[in-house]
Amino acid sequence: MTRDTASQTTLEQKVKSAKVKLGLVQDVDLRKYLPWNDGHQMHHFSFKKLSKEAPAELSALIERYILAVAAPQPMPSAPRSRRNSGNLNLSRGEIQRLITRLQNVGEEALLIEKLSSQIDSYASIKRELISSIRKDEANEVLFKKFAQKLATRRSQF
């Protein structure tokens, strides 16, 4: 038996006993109990890579953090990054109410355009415009939004 085969067999035994200890079904679920470089739980790609390329290292991690511990605890997951940390996080309904209130007051300012562009996609504006045309209603604001979305869409291609 070669060294790789022996370490793979040892890994399989440790994975099986760790799954039984934790009551898990899949091998990859063990990653939640194993720390990675940043102190958070191991990513499933890293788990799979280690199991193929460095089974001895993964076996040692399973032994240290799952089998040798009386009650293993899952590691915290890595925090998700927020792209627009400086912007307000408003729900779709909150944005709609804010737009409605501003329109009732008579404000047709840049704020309305900014807020409405966040929630209105090209497809939704197109649907609303077609619906209003079928009802024989003229909605100038909706037509302007559609024209703007169409222009930005064409400039992207």
Protein backbone atom coordinates (compact mmCIF):
# COMPACT_ATOMS: atom_id res chain seq x y z
CA MET A 1 0.00 0.00 0.00
CA THR A 2 1.43 3.38 -0.96
CA ARG A 3 1.49 6.38 1.32
CA ASP A 4 -1.30 8.20 -0.58
CA THR A 5 -3.58 5.18 -0.40
CA ALA A 6 -2.89 4.75 3.31
CA SER A 7 -3.60 8.39 4.11
CA GLN A 8 -6.75 8.24 1.96
CA THR A 9 -7.94 5.16 3.87
CA THR A 10 -7.19 6.85 7.20
CA LEU A 11 -9.07 9.93 6.02
CA GLU A 12 -12.09 7.84 5.01
CA GLN A 13 -12.15 6.19 8.44
CA LYS A 14 -11.89 9.51 10.26
CA VAL A 15 -14.56 11.10 8.06
CA LYS A 16 -16.90 8.18 8.73
CA SER A 17 -16.40 8.32 12.51
CA ALA A 18 -16.71 12.13 12.55
CA LYS A 19 -19.97 11.94 10.58
CA VAL A 20 -21.34 9.41 13.06
CA LYS A 21 -20.24 11.56 16.02
CA LEU A 22 -21.90 14.68 14.62
CA GLY A 23 -24.88 12.92 13.03
CA LEU A 24 -24.11 14.23 9.55
CA VAL A 25 -25.08 12.68 6.22
CA GLN A 26 -22.61 14.23 3.77
CA ASP A 27 -18.84 14.37 4.07
CA VAL A 28 -18.67 18.01 3.04
CA ASP A 29 -20.81 19.03 6.06
CA LEU A 30 -17.76 18.37 8.25
CA ARG A 31 -16.24 21.59 6.88
CA LYS A 32 -18.48 23.63 9.18
CA TYR A 33 -16.56 22.27 12.16
CA LEU A 34 -13.11 22.84 10.67
CA PRO A 35 -11.40 26.25 10.84
CA TRP A 36 -9.70 27.75 7.84
CA ASN A 37 -7.02 30.46 7.49
CA ASP A 38 -9.19 33.32 8.72
CA GLY A 39 -10.67 31.44 11.69
CA HIS A 40 -14.00 30.88 9.99
CA GLN A 41 -15.44 27.62 8.72
CA MET A 42 -13.73 25.96 5.80
CA HIS A 43 -15.17 26.58 2.34
CA HIS A 44 -16.60 23.51 0.62
CA PHE A 45 -14.19 23.90 -2.30
CA SER A 46 -11.23 23.93 0.11
CA PHE A 47 -12.60 20.85 1.86
CA LYS A 48 -12.84 18.93 -1.44
CA LYS A 49 -9.40 20.13 -2.54
CA LEU A 50 -7.78 19.07 0.72
CA SER A 51 -9.45 15.67 0.60
CA LYS A 52 -7.92 15.04 -2.83
CA GLU A 53 -4.55 16.80 -2.61
CA ALA A 54 -3.63 16.65 1.11
CA PRO A 55 -5.64 13.91 2.82
CA ALA A 56 -3.16 13.68 5.70
CA GLU A 57 -3.65 17.38 6.54
CA LEU A 58 -7.44 17.07 6.40
CA SER A 59 -7.27 13.95 8.52
CA ALA A 60 -5.25 15.82 11.15
CA LEU A 61 -7.80 18.68 11.16
CA ILE A 62 -10.70 16.26 11.61
CA GLU A 63 -8.87 14.54 14.45
CA ARG A 64 -8.00 17.80 16.21
CA TYR A 65 -11.28 19.71 15.86
CA ILE A 66 -13.91 16.96 15.80
CA LEU A 67 -12.74 13.59 17.10
CA ALA A 68 -10.51 14.81 19.97
CA VAL A 69 -13.13 17.28 21.26
CA ALA A 70 -15.98 16.13 23.51
CA ALA A 71 -18.60 18.43 21.97
CA PRO A 72 -17.41 19.94 18.67
CA GLN A 73 -18.84 23.36 17.86
CA PRO A 74 -19.37 24.71 14.35
CA MET A 75 -17.08 27.54 13.33
CA PRO A 76 -18.61 30.93 12.53
CA SER A 77 -19.27 31.50 8.86
CA ALA A 78 -17.31 34.16 7.02
CA PRO A 79 -19.03 37.55 6.97
CA ARG A 80 -20.54 38.62 3.67
CA SER A 81 -19.26 41.81 2.14
CA ARG A 82 -21.63 44.69 1.55
CA ARG A 83 -21.09 46.52 -1.70
CA ASN A 84 -23.05 49.68 -1.02
CA SER A 85 -22.19 50.25 2.62
CA GLY A 86 -22.67 54.03 2.34
CA ASN A 87 -26.15 53.85 0.83
CA LEU A 88 -29.49 53.48 2.54
CA ASN A 89 -30.90 49.98 2.59
CA LEU A 90 -34.58 50.47 1.84
CA SER A 91 -37.02 47.76 0.91
CA ARG A 92 -38.96 47.93 -2.33
CA GLY A 93 -42.14 48.91 -0.45
CA GLU A 94 -40.38 51.68 1.47
CA ILE A 95 -39.00 53.13 -1.75
CA GLN A 96 -42.45 53.01 -3.40
CA ARG A 97 -44.06 54.81 -0.42
CA LEU A 98 -41.34 57.46 -0.42
CA ILE A 99 -41.79 58.06 -4.16
CA THR A 100 -45.57 58.29 -3.76
CA ARG A 101 -45.27 60.81 -0.92
CA LEU A 102 -42.83 62.94 -2.86
CA GLN A 103 -45.09 62.89 -5.91
CA ASN A 104 -48.10 63.90 -3.75
CA VAL A 105 -46.16 66.88 -2.45
CA GLY A 106 -45.30 67.89 -6.00
CA GLU A 107 -41.60 67.12 -5.86
CA GLU A 108 -40.44 65.80 -9.20
CA ALA A 109 -36.80 66.07 -8.25
CA LEU A 110 -33.72 63.98 -8.81
CA LEU A 111 -34.48 61.97 -5.68
CA ILE A 112 -37.57 60.44 -7.25
CA GLU A 113 -35.56 59.45 -10.32
CA LYS A 114 -32.80 57.91 -8.19
CA LEU A 115 -35.19 55.96 -6.00
CA SER A 116 -37.38 54.74 -8.83
CA SER A 117 -34.40 53.63 -10.90
CA GLN A 118 -33.34 51.36 -8.05
CA ILE A 119 -36.56 49.35 -8.11
CA ASP A 120 -37.69 49.59 -11.72
CA SER A 121 -36.07 47.24 -14.16
CA TYR A 122 -36.41 47.60 -17.89
CA ALA A 123 -38.81 44.66 -18.04
CA SER A 124 -41.07 45.91 -15.24
CA ILE A 125 -41.30 49.42 -16.71
CA LYS A 126 -42.06 47.96 -20.13
CA ARG A 127 -44.82 45.79 -18.64
CA GLU A 128 -46.35 48.73 -16.78
CA LEU A 129 -46.19 50.94 -19.88
CA ILE A 130 -47.88 48.31 -22.07
CA SER A 131 -50.51 47.80 -19.37
CA SER A 132 -51.24 51.52 -19.16
CA ILE A 133 -51.51 51.77 -22.96
CA ARG A 134 -54.02 48.90 -23.01
CA LYS A 135 -56.09 50.76 -20.41
CA ASP A 136 -55.99 53.90 -22.60
CA GLU A 137 -54.09 55.82 -19.94
CA ALA A 138 -51.29 58.24 -20.71
CA ASN A 139 -48.55 58.03 -18.11
CA GLU A 140 -45.87 60.52 -19.04
CA VAL A 141 -43.60 59.71 -16.07
CA LEU A 142 -43.66 56.02 -16.97
CA PHE A 143 -42.87 56.80 -20.61
CA LYS A 144 -39.88 58.96 -19.55
CA LYS A 145 -38.60 56.15 -17.32
CA PHE A 146 -38.94 53.70 -20.21
CA ALA A 147 -37.09 56.04 -22.56
CA GLN A 148 -34.26 56.46 -20.04
CA LYS A 149 -33.95 52.71 -19.45
CA LEU A 150 -34.00 52.07 -23.17
CA ALA A 151 -31.24 54.63 -23.74
CA THR A 152 -29.02 53.18 -21.01
CA ARG A 153 -29.71 49.69 -22.25
CA ARG A 154 -28.68 50.62 -25.80
CA SER A 155 -25.54 52.40 -24.57
CA GLN A 156 -24.44 49.23 -22.74
CA PHE A 157 -24.45 47.17 -25.93
